[in-house]
Amino acid sequence: MLVIVNVSPEDTPNQGVNQYEVRVNDNVLATFEHERKPNGAAQCLRDAADAIDKAHSDRVDRITAKILEATEAEGLNFTY
């Protein structure tokens, strides 16, 4: 199940910046901030999508860096 969960403290105002997590079951895919306001649901979905894209890109960058470190440690050099 894919869900967007408001994880702001309970005393956070209904309007204004709130903290969210995008989850699949219990796995957090991304976190983001969203400014709650009337009729702001569509923007919340866009913010969630952007957060997922960024989190994915960040993971790919970290994996790529680790692969390059490992290959360089073995004396291998790749150019791309």
PDB file of N, CA and C in Angstrom:
ATOM      1  N   MET A   1       0.839  -1.157   0.000  1.00  0.00           N
ATOM      2  CA  MET A   1       0.000   0.000   0.000  1.00  0.00           C
ATOM      3  C   MET A   1       0.901   1.243   0.000  1.00  0.00           C
ATOM      4  N   LEU A   2       0.655   2.162  -0.900  1.00  0.00           N
ATOM      5  CA  LEU A   2       1.375   3.418  -0.990  1.00  0.00           C
ATOM      6  C   LEU A   2       0.590   4.484  -0.237  1.00  0.00           C
ATOM      7  N   VAL A   3       1.249   5.139   0.739  1.00  0.00           N
ATOM      8  CA  VAL A   3       0.568   6.160   1.525  1.00  0.00           C
ATOM      9  C   VAL A   3       1.464   7.377   1.718  1.00  0.00           C
ATOM     10  N   ILE A   4       0.837   8.519   1.879  1.00  0.00           N
ATOM     11  CA  ILE A   4       1.519   9.747   2.264  1.00  0.00           C
ATOM     12  C   ILE A   4       1.035  10.054   3.674  1.00  0.00           C
ATOM     13  N   VAL A   5       1.979  10.142   4.616  1.00  0.00           N
ATOM     14  CA  VAL A   5       1.635  10.283   6.022  1.00  0.00           C
ATOM     15  C   VAL A   5       2.167  11.606   6.558  1.00  0.00           C
ATOM     16  N   ASN A   6       1.301  12.378   7.185  1.00  0.00           N
ATOM     17  CA  ASN A   6       1.729  13.594   7.865  1.00  0.00           C
ATOM     18  C   ASN A   6       2.371  13.167   9.183  1.00  0.00           C
ATOM     19  N   VAL A   7       3.667  13.444   9.332  1.00  0.00           N
ATOM     20  CA  VAL A   7       4.400  13.038  10.536  1.00  0.00           C
ATOM     21  C   VAL A   7       4.784  14.247  11.389  1.00  0.00           C
ATOM     22  N   SER A   8       4.124  15.375  11.146  1.00  0.00           N
ATOM     23  CA  SER A   8       4.373  16.576  11.938  1.00  0.00           C
ATOM     24  C   SER A   8       3.924  16.344  13.369  1.00  0.00           C
ATOM     25  N   PRO A   9       4.529  17.074  14.316  1.00  0.00           N
ATOM     26  CA  PRO A   9       4.046  16.973  15.700  1.00  0.00           C
ATOM     27  C   PRO A   9       2.557  17.326  15.769  1.00  0.00           C
ATOM     28  N   GLU A  10       1.885  16.764  16.735  1.00  0.00           N
ATOM     29  CA  GLU A  10       0.436  16.959  16.843  1.00  0.00           C
ATOM     30  C   GLU A  10       0.037  18.412  17.017  1.00  0.00           C
ATOM     31  N   ASP A  11       0.913  19.241  17.564  1.00  0.00           N
ATOM     32  CA  ASP A  11       0.558  20.642  17.794  1.00  0.00           C
ATOM     33  C   ASP A  11       0.852  21.541  16.596  1.00  0.00           C
ATOM     34  N   THR A  12       1.236  20.947  15.449  1.00  0.00           N
ATOM     35  CA  THR A  12       1.481  21.722  14.241  1.00  0.00           C
ATOM     36  C   THR A  12       0.154  22.240  13.701  1.00  0.00           C
ATOM     37  N   PRO A  13       0.103  23.535  13.337  1.00  0.00           N
ATOM     38  CA  PRO A  13      -1.161  24.080  12.807  1.00  0.00           C
ATOM     39  C   PRO A  13      -1.631  23.341  11.558  1.00  0.00           C
ATOM     40  N   ASN A  14      -2.937  23.332  11.352  1.00  0.00           N
ATOM     41  CA  ASN A  14      -3.511  22.673  10.175  1.00  0.00           C
ATOM     42  C   ASN A  14      -3.042  23.308   8.882  1.00  0.00           C
ATOM     43  N   GLN A  15      -2.785  24.607   8.898  1.00  0.00           N
ATOM     44  CA  GLN A  15      -2.262  25.265   7.712  1.00  0.00           C
ATOM     45  C   GLN A  15      -0.819  25.653   7.979  1.00  0.00           C
ATOM     46  N   GLY A  16      -0.018  25.652   6.927  1.00  0.00           N
ATOM     47  CA  GLY A  16       1.395  25.961   7.058  1.00  0.00           C
ATOM     48  C   GLY A  16       2.229  24.746   6.701  1.00  0.00           C
ATOM     49  N   VAL A  17       3.530  24.840   6.942  1.00  0.00           N
ATOM     50  CA  VAL A  17       4.462  23.778   6.551  1.00  0.00           C
ATOM     51  C   VAL A  17       4.334  22.588   7.494  1.00  0.00           C
ATOM     52  N   ASN A  18       4.189  21.404   6.904  1.00  0.00           N
ATOM     53  CA  ASN A  18       4.102  20.149   7.641  1.00  0.00           C
ATOM     54  C   ASN A  18       5.120  19.176   7.058  1.00  0.00           C
ATOM     55  N   GLN A  19       5.482  18.178   7.857  1.00  0.00           N
ATOM     56  CA  GLN A  19       6.427  17.143   7.455  1.00  0.00           C
ATOM     57  C   GLN A  19       5.652  15.888   7.044  1.00  0.00           C
ATOM     58  N   TYR A  20       6.093  15.259   5.945  1.00  0.00           N
ATOM     59  CA  TYR A  20       5.415  14.074   5.421  1.00  0.00           C
ATOM     60  C   TYR A  20       6.410  12.975   5.094  1.00  0.00           C
ATOM     61  N   GLU A  21       5.919  11.753   5.089  1.00  0.00           N
ATOM     62  CA  GLU A  21       6.656  10.594   4.597  1.00  0.00           C
ATOM     63  C   GLU A  21       5.826   9.917   3.518  1.00  0.00           C
ATOM     64  N   VAL A  22       6.507   9.427   2.488  1.00  0.00           N
ATOM     65  CA  VAL A  22       5.869   8.583   1.483  1.00  0.00           C
ATOM     66  C   VAL A  22       6.300   7.166   1.829  1.00  0.00           C
ATOM     67  N   ARG A  23       5.337   6.290   2.034  1.00  0.00           N
ATOM     68  CA  ARG A  23       5.633   4.918   2.468  1.00  0.00           C
ATOM     69  C   ARG A  23       4.990   3.899   1.535  1.00  0.00           C
ATOM     70  N   VAL A  24       5.674   2.779   1.395  1.00  0.00           N
ATOM     71  CA  VAL A  24       5.081   1.574   0.826  1.00  0.00           C
ATOM     72  C   VAL A  24       5.101   0.572   1.966  1.00  0.00           C
ATOM     73  N   ASN A  25       3.922   0.229   2.427  1.00  0.00           N
ATOM     74  CA  ASN A  25       3.768  -0.573   3.635  1.00  0.00           C
ATOM     75  C   ASN A  25       4.515   0.139   4.758  1.00  0.00           C
ATOM     76  N   ASP A  26       5.503  -0.493   5.374  1.00  0.00           N
ATOM     77  CA  ASP A  26       6.241   0.157   6.469  1.00  0.00           C
ATOM     78  C   ASP A  26       7.556   0.783   6.011  1.00  0.00           C
ATOM     79  N   ASN A  27       7.855   0.712   4.723  1.00  0.00           N
ATOM     80  CA  ASN A  27       9.124   1.243   4.202  1.00  0.00           C
ATOM     81  C   ASN A  27       8.960   2.697   3.774  1.00  0.00           C
ATOM     82  N   VAL A  28       9.792   3.563   4.344  1.00  0.00           N
ATOM     83  CA  VAL A  28       9.759   4.980   3.982  1.00  0.00           C
ATOM     84  C   VAL A  28      10.566   5.165   2.697  1.00  0.00           C
ATOM     85  N   LEU A  29       9.895   5.637   1.639  1.00  0.00           N
ATOM     86  CA  LEU A  29      10.562   5.898   0.365  1.00  0.00           C
ATOM     87  C   LEU A  29      11.195   7.277   0.333  1.00  0.00           C
ATOM     88  N   ALA A  30      10.530   8.250   0.954  1.00  0.00           N
ATOM     89  CA  ALA A  30      11.010   9.626   0.896  1.00  0.00           C
ATOM     90  C   ALA A  30      10.330  10.449   1.985  1.00  0.00           C
ATOM     91  N   THR A  31      10.960  11.565   2.313  1.00  0.00           N
ATOM     92  CA  THR A  31      10.374  12.536   3.226  1.00  0.00           C
ATOM     93  C   THR A  31      10.336  13.882   2.517  1.00  0.00           C
ATOM     94  N   PHE A  32       9.383  14.717   2.914  1.00  0.00           N
ATOM     95  CA  PHE A  32       9.292  16.040   2.298  1.00  0.00           C
ATOM     96  C   PHE A  32       8.478  16.971   3.176  1.00  0.00           C
ATOM     97  N   GLU A  33       8.607  18.261   2.886  1.00  0.00           N
ATOM     98  CA  GLU A  33       7.785  19.280   3.525  1.00  0.00           C
ATOM     99  C   GLU A  33       6.733  19.741   2.526  1.00  0.00           C
ATOM    100  N   HIS A  34       5.575  20.075   3.048  1.00  0.00           N
ATOM    101  CA  HIS A  34       4.490  20.575   2.198  1.00  0.00           C
ATOM    102  C   HIS A  34       3.729  21.627   2.977  1.00  0.00           C
ATOM    103  N   GLU A  35       3.392  22.714   2.307  1.00  0.00           N
ATOM    104  CA  GLU A  35       2.597  23.759   2.952  1.00  0.00           C
ATOM    105  C   GLU A  35       1.121  23.431   2.801  1.00  0.00           C
ATOM    106  N   ARG A  36       0.526  23.045   3.931  1.00  0.00           N
ATOM    107  CA  ARG A  36      -0.906  22.725   3.909  1.00  0.00           C
ATOM    108  C   ARG A  36      -1.714  23.993   3.745  1.00  0.00           C
ATOM    109  N   LYS A  37      -2.671  23.938   2.847  1.00  0.00           N
ATOM    110  CA  LYS A  37      -3.617  25.040   2.664  1.00  0.00           C
ATOM    111  C   LYS A  37      -4.857  24.472   1.999  1.00  0.00           C
ATOM    112  N   PRO A  38      -5.960  25.189   2.057  1.00  0.00           N
ATOM    113  CA  PRO A  38      -7.180  24.688   1.424  1.00  0.00           C
ATOM    114  C   PRO A  38      -6.936  24.361  -0.054  1.00  0.00           C
ATOM    115  N   ASN A  39      -7.480  23.259  -0.490  1.00  0.00           N
ATOM    116  CA  ASN A  39      -7.350  22.795  -1.882  1.00  0.00           C
ATOM    117  C   ASN A  39      -5.903  22.541  -2.293  1.00  0.00           C
ATOM    118  N   GLY A  40      -5.067  22.123  -1.347  1.00  0.00           N
ATOM    119  CA  GLY A  40      -3.652  21.895  -1.640  1.00  0.00           C
ATOM    120  C   GLY A  40      -3.282  20.442  -1.878  1.00  0.00           C
ATOM    121  N   ALA A  41      -4.273  19.556  -2.010  1.00  0.00           N
ATOM    122  CA  ALA A  41      -3.986  18.125  -2.152  1.00  0.00           C
ATOM    123  C   ALA A  41      -3.181  17.815  -3.405  1.00  0.00           C
ATOM    124  N   ALA A  42      -3.491  18.447  -4.521  1.00  0.00           N
ATOM    125  CA  ALA A  42      -2.766  18.172  -5.767  1.00  0.00           C
ATOM    126  C   ALA A  42      -1.293  18.552  -5.624  1.00  0.00           C
ATOM    127  N   GLN A  43      -1.029  19.688  -4.956  1.00  0.00           N
ATOM    128  CA  GLN A  43       0.367  20.100  -4.757  1.00  0.00           C
ATOM    129  C   GLN A  43       1.077  19.126  -3.827  1.00  0.00           C
ATOM    130  N   CYS A  44       0.367  18.607  -2.842  1.00  0.00           N
ATOM    131  CA  CYS A  44       0.955  17.611  -1.941  1.00  0.00           C
ATOM    132  C   CYS A  44       1.394  16.377  -2.733  1.00  0.00           C
ATOM    133  N   LEU A  45       0.572  15.935  -3.669  1.00  0.00           N
ATOM    134  CA  LEU A  45       0.926  14.785  -4.501  1.00  0.00           C
ATOM    135  C   LEU A  45       2.145  15.092  -5.376  1.00  0.00           C
ATOM    136  N   ARG A  46       2.209  16.300  -5.923  1.00  0.00           N
ATOM    137  CA  ARG A  46       3.376  16.686  -6.720  1.00  0.00           C
ATOM    138  C   ARG A  46       4.629  16.731  -5.854  1.00  0.00           C
ATOM    139  N   ASP A  47       4.510  17.274  -4.641  1.00  0.00           N
ATOM    140  CA  ASP A  47       5.650  17.326  -3.723  1.00  0.00           C
ATOM    141  C   ASP A  47       6.117  15.920  -3.357  1.00  0.00           C
ATOM    142  N   ALA A  48       5.159  15.016  -3.148  1.00  0.00           N
ATOM    143  CA  ALA A  48       5.507  13.626  -2.833  1.00  0.00           C
ATOM    144  C   ALA A  48       6.251  12.978  -4.003  1.00  0.00           C
ATOM    145  N   ALA A  49       5.767  13.193  -5.220  1.00  0.00           N
ATOM    146  CA  ALA A  49       6.418  12.623  -6.403  1.00  0.00           C
ATOM    147  C   ALA A  49       7.834  13.171  -6.551  1.00  0.00           C
ATOM    148  N   ASP A  50       8.000  14.478  -6.342  1.00  0.00           N
ATOM    149  CA  ASP A  50       9.337  15.077  -6.423  1.00  0.00           C
ATOM    150  C   ASP A  50      10.267  14.493  -5.369  1.00  0.00           C
ATOM    151  N   ALA A  51       9.753  14.272  -4.167  1.00  0.00           N
ATOM    152  CA  ALA A  51      10.561  13.708  -3.083  1.00  0.00           C
ATOM    153  C   ALA A  51      11.002  12.281  -3.419  1.00  0.00           C
ATOM    154  N   ILE A  52      10.107  11.498  -4.018  1.00  0.00           N
ATOM    155  CA  ILE A  52      10.461  10.134  -4.423  1.00  0.00           C
ATOM    156  C   ILE A  52      11.539  10.168  -5.496  1.00  0.00           C
ATOM    157  N   ASP A  53      11.376  11.035  -6.492  1.00  0.00           N
ATOM    158  CA  ASP A  53      12.388  11.157  -7.553  1.00  0.00           C
ATOM    159  C   ASP A  53      13.745  11.532  -6.979  1.00  0.00           C
ATOM    160  N   LYS A  54      13.768  12.503  -6.064  1.00  0.00           N
ATOM    161  CA  LYS A  54      15.032  12.940  -5.469  1.00  0.00           C
ATOM    162  C   LYS A  54      15.660  11.826  -4.640  1.00  0.00           C
ATOM    163  N   ALA A  55      14.862  11.136  -3.836  1.00  0.00           N
ATOM    164  CA  ALA A  55      15.383  10.048  -3.008  1.00  0.00           C
ATOM    165  C   ALA A  55      15.974   8.950  -3.886  1.00  0.00           C
ATOM    166  N   HIS A  56      15.303   8.634  -4.991  1.00  0.00           N
ATOM    167  CA  HIS A  56      15.805   7.607  -5.917  1.00  0.00           C
ATOM    168  C   HIS A  56      17.126   8.055  -6.528  1.00  0.00           C
ATOM    169  N   SER A  57      17.178   9.289  -6.983  1.00  0.00           N
ATOM    170  CA  SER A  57      18.398   9.826  -7.587  1.00  0.00           C
ATOM    171  C   SER A  57      19.544   9.815  -6.583  1.00  0.00           C
ATOM    172  N   ASP A  58      19.269  10.202  -5.340  1.00  0.00           N
ATOM    173  CA  ASP A  58      20.297  10.200  -4.301  1.00  0.00           C
ATOM    174  C   ASP A  58      20.821   8.794  -4.046  1.00  0.00           C
ATOM    175  N   ARG A  59      19.916   7.792  -4.033  1.00  0.00           N
ATOM    176  CA  ARG A  59      20.349   6.397  -3.822  1.00  0.00           C
ATOM    177  C   ARG A  59      21.220   5.934  -4.977  1.00  0.00           C
ATOM    178  N   VAL A  60      20.838   6.248  -6.204  1.00  0.00           N
ATOM    179  CA  VAL A  60      21.639   5.857  -7.376  1.00  0.00           C
ATOM    180  C   VAL A  60      23.017   6.492  -7.292  1.00  0.00           C
ATOM    181  N   ASP A  61      23.074   7.760  -6.920  1.00  0.00           N
ATOM    182  CA  ASP A  61      24.367   8.444  -6.792  1.00  0.00           C
ATOM    183  C   ASP A  61      25.247   7.781  -5.735  1.00  0.00           C
ATOM    184  N   ARG A  62      24.666   7.403  -4.590  1.00  0.00           N
ATOM    185  CA  ARG A  62      25.452   6.741  -3.532  1.00  0.00           C
ATOM    186  C   ARG A  62      25.948   5.380  -3.989  1.00  0.00           C
ATOM    187  N   ILE A  63      25.098   4.617  -4.674  1.00  0.00           N
ATOM    188  CA  ILE A  63      25.501   3.293  -5.164  1.00  0.00           C
ATOM    189  C   ILE A  63      26.612   3.435  -6.195  1.00  0.00           C
ATOM    190  N   THR A  64      26.459   4.382  -7.116  1.00  0.00           N
ATOM    191  CA  THR A  64      27.481   4.605  -8.138  1.00  0.00           C
ATOM    192  C   THR A  64      28.814   4.971  -7.496  1.00  0.00           C
ATOM    193  N   ALA A  65      28.789   5.841  -6.500  1.00  0.00           N
ATOM    194  CA  ALA A  65      30.018   6.249  -5.813  1.00  0.00           C
ATOM    195  C   ALA A  65      30.686   5.053  -5.144  1.00  0.00           C
ATOM    196  N   LYS A  66      29.896   4.191  -4.517  1.00  0.00           N
ATOM    197  CA  LYS A  66      30.461   3.007  -3.861  1.00  0.00           C
ATOM    198  C   LYS A  66      31.076   2.046  -4.878  1.00  0.00           C
ATOM    199  N   ILE A  67      30.433   1.873  -6.014  1.00  0.00           N
ATOM    200  CA  ILE A  67      30.973   1.004  -7.059  1.00  0.00           C
ATOM    201  C   ILE A  67      32.296   1.561  -7.569  1.00  0.00           C
ATOM    202  N   LEU A  68      32.341   2.870  -7.811  1.00  0.00           N
ATOM    203  CA  LEU A  68      33.582   3.481  -8.287  1.00  0.00           C
ATOM    204  C   LEU A  68      34.690   3.353  -7.251  1.00  0.00           C
ATOM    205  N   GLU A  69      34.371   3.558  -5.967  1.00  0.00           N
ATOM    206  CA  GLU A  69      35.362   3.387  -4.904  1.00  0.00           C
ATOM    207  C   GLU A  69      35.914   1.973  -4.898  1.00  0.00           C
ATOM    208  N   ALA A  70      35.032   0.995  -4.995  1.00  0.00           N
ATOM    209  CA  ALA A  70      35.449  -0.406  -4.949  1.00  0.00           C
ATOM    210  C   ALA A  70      36.314  -0.768  -6.150  1.00  0.00           C
ATOM    211  N   THR A  71      35.931  -0.294  -7.326  1.00  0.00           N
ATOM    212  CA  THR A  71      36.718  -0.641  -8.517  1.00  0.00           C
ATOM    213  C   THR A  71      38.067   0.058  -8.500  1.00  0.00           C
ATOM    214  N   GLU A  72      38.113   1.285  -8.004  1.00  0.00           N
ATOM    215  CA  GLU A  72      39.394   1.993  -7.911  1.00  0.00           C
ATOM    216  C   GLU A  72      40.291   1.330  -6.877  1.00  0.00           C
ATOM    217  N   ALA A  73      39.715   0.835  -5.790  1.00  0.00           N
ATOM    218  CA  ALA A  73      40.494   0.142  -4.771  1.00  0.00           C
ATOM    219  C   ALA A  73      41.119  -1.127  -5.347  1.00  0.00           C
ATOM    220  N   GLU A  74      40.487  -1.719  -6.336  1.00  0.00           N
ATOM    221  CA  GLU A  74      41.003  -2.916  -6.994  1.00  0.00           C
ATOM    222  C   GLU A  74      41.941  -2.565  -8.149  1.00  0.00           C
ATOM    223  N   GLY A  75      42.162  -1.286  -8.362  1.00  0.00           N
ATOM    224  CA  GLY A  75      43.056  -0.861  -9.428  1.00  0.00           C
ATOM    225  C   GLY A  75      42.385  -0.755 -10.786  1.00  0.00           C
ATOM    226  N   LEU A  76      41.078  -0.792 -10.798  1.00  0.00           N
ATOM    227  CA  LEU A  76      40.343  -0.678 -12.057  1.00  0.00           C
ATOM    228  C   LEU A  76      39.872   0.758 -12.214  1.00  0.00           C
ATOM    229  N   ASN A  77      39.948   1.269 -13.425  1.00  0.00           N
ATOM    230  CA  ASN A  77      39.454   2.608 -13.695  1.00  0.00           C
ATOM    231  C   ASN A  77      38.501   2.560 -14.878  1.00  0.00           C
ATOM    232  N   PHE A  78      37.362   3.170 -14.690  1.00  0.00           N
ATOM    233  CA  PHE A  78      36.362   3.227 -15.756  1.00  0.00           C
ATOM    234  C   PHE A  78      36.082   4.679 -16.066  1.00  0.00           C
ATOM    235  N   THR A  79      35.905   4.954 -17.318  1.00  0.00           N
ATOM    236  CA  THR A  79      35.444   6.282 -17.703  1.00  0.00           C
ATOM    237  C   THR A  79      34.077   6.122 -18.349  1.00  0.00           C
ATOM    238  N   TYR A  80      33.252   7.084 -18.110  1.00  0.00           N
ATOM    239  CA  TYR A  80      31.906   7.060 -18.689  1.00  0.00           C
ATOM    240  C   TYR A  80      31.461   8.438 -19.001  1.00  0.00           C
TER     241      TYR A  80
END
